[in-house]
Structures are given as C-alpha cells and as structure tokens.
Amino acid sequence: MKAFIITIISFLAISCSNKPTLQKYFVENTESKDFIAIDVSPSILKIKEASLNEEEKKALDAFDKMNIIAFKKDTLNEVKYKDEVTKVKTILKDEEYQQLMKFGSSNQGASIYLVGTDENIDEFVIYANNQSSGFALVRILGDNMNPNDLMSIVNIMQKSKIDLDQLKPLEGILK
C-alpha cells in the first residue's frame, strides 16, 4: 500500500510540473483578447474516403485533431507580442520539440517541429511568424504519424471541401 501511495504522489508531482509546454500555452491564452484559438477535427475536411489513396487514408486515420492559436499584432500590443514570441521560442527550444525544417526571413517565416520519433510522431507543430501582423501556432495531433503523414494531410486538405468559414478568424494574421 505504501508503494502504491508513493507511486501516485510521484505521478502527480511529475504531471503537475511547472515546465512550460505548448499545451499549457494554448490553455492559458485561449481566452485572451489578443489571441484567436480554433480547434479543428478531421470532420472539417468533408472528403469521401473513397477518393483517397492508401497513404492518405493511413494519414487521415492517424490524425486526431488540430489546435490553432494566433496572436494578432497591432500598435497597442507590440510589447506583449515580443513577450509572447519569446515564450513560444523558449518552449520550442525544449528537447521534446525536434525541428524538422525552417524557412523564411527574419521578418516572416515558419518552422516545423515534431514530438516523438521519426516513425512514431504524436504531434507536428508549425510556428509561423510575421513581424508586421502576428504569429500562429498549429498543433497537429495524432497517433503513430510519420513525416509523410504531414504531407498527406496537407494534400487531403487541398482535395477536401473545407468549411473555410471556420478558419475565417485567422484571416489577415499571417498575410
């Protein structure tokens, strides 16, 4: 019984860590007036599975949901924008987030990260920043994904009849 209690206390101590994570960042900022948050499920894609190839079907099966949070920069929140960019970059420097690629310039660009191993990815993270309009973070969550699945999901999105009205709040943030 004593060992069981110690195990439970240890689990609670680890799970209640004060270490910043993207999940905590999303939760803390979802209701902020400076942020726009959207959760997207695979049902937004509105695509017939019969039109997908095997690789796309596998990627769609592995895809659970997508969380998007965006900071809309304006002249009144310049300091907060800089603070938030610093927070996000600090979180993404954690060894949990492995950078796959980075592109763009110092004024605007994007980076793609993964959480997990190359063949067992639990999360893709896309961080896009435009110094004049703001930044966005996209978390693509799933089970046993691989880098090809990300490309397949993008292809599926292009083929699908996405209800773009659900994504309209993001319009103008990253032009």
Foldseek 3Di string as FASTA:
>chain_A
DVVVVVVVVVVVPVVPDPDDAVVVVCVVPPPPPQKDKAKAALVLQADDCVPDDPLLVVLNQFWGIKIKMWGWDDPVCLVVQVVVVVVVVVNCVPPQWAWDDWDDDPQWIKTWTFGDDQQWTQWIWIWIAHSVTTIMIMITGGTRDHPVSVVSVVVSSVVGPGPCVSVVVCPPRHD
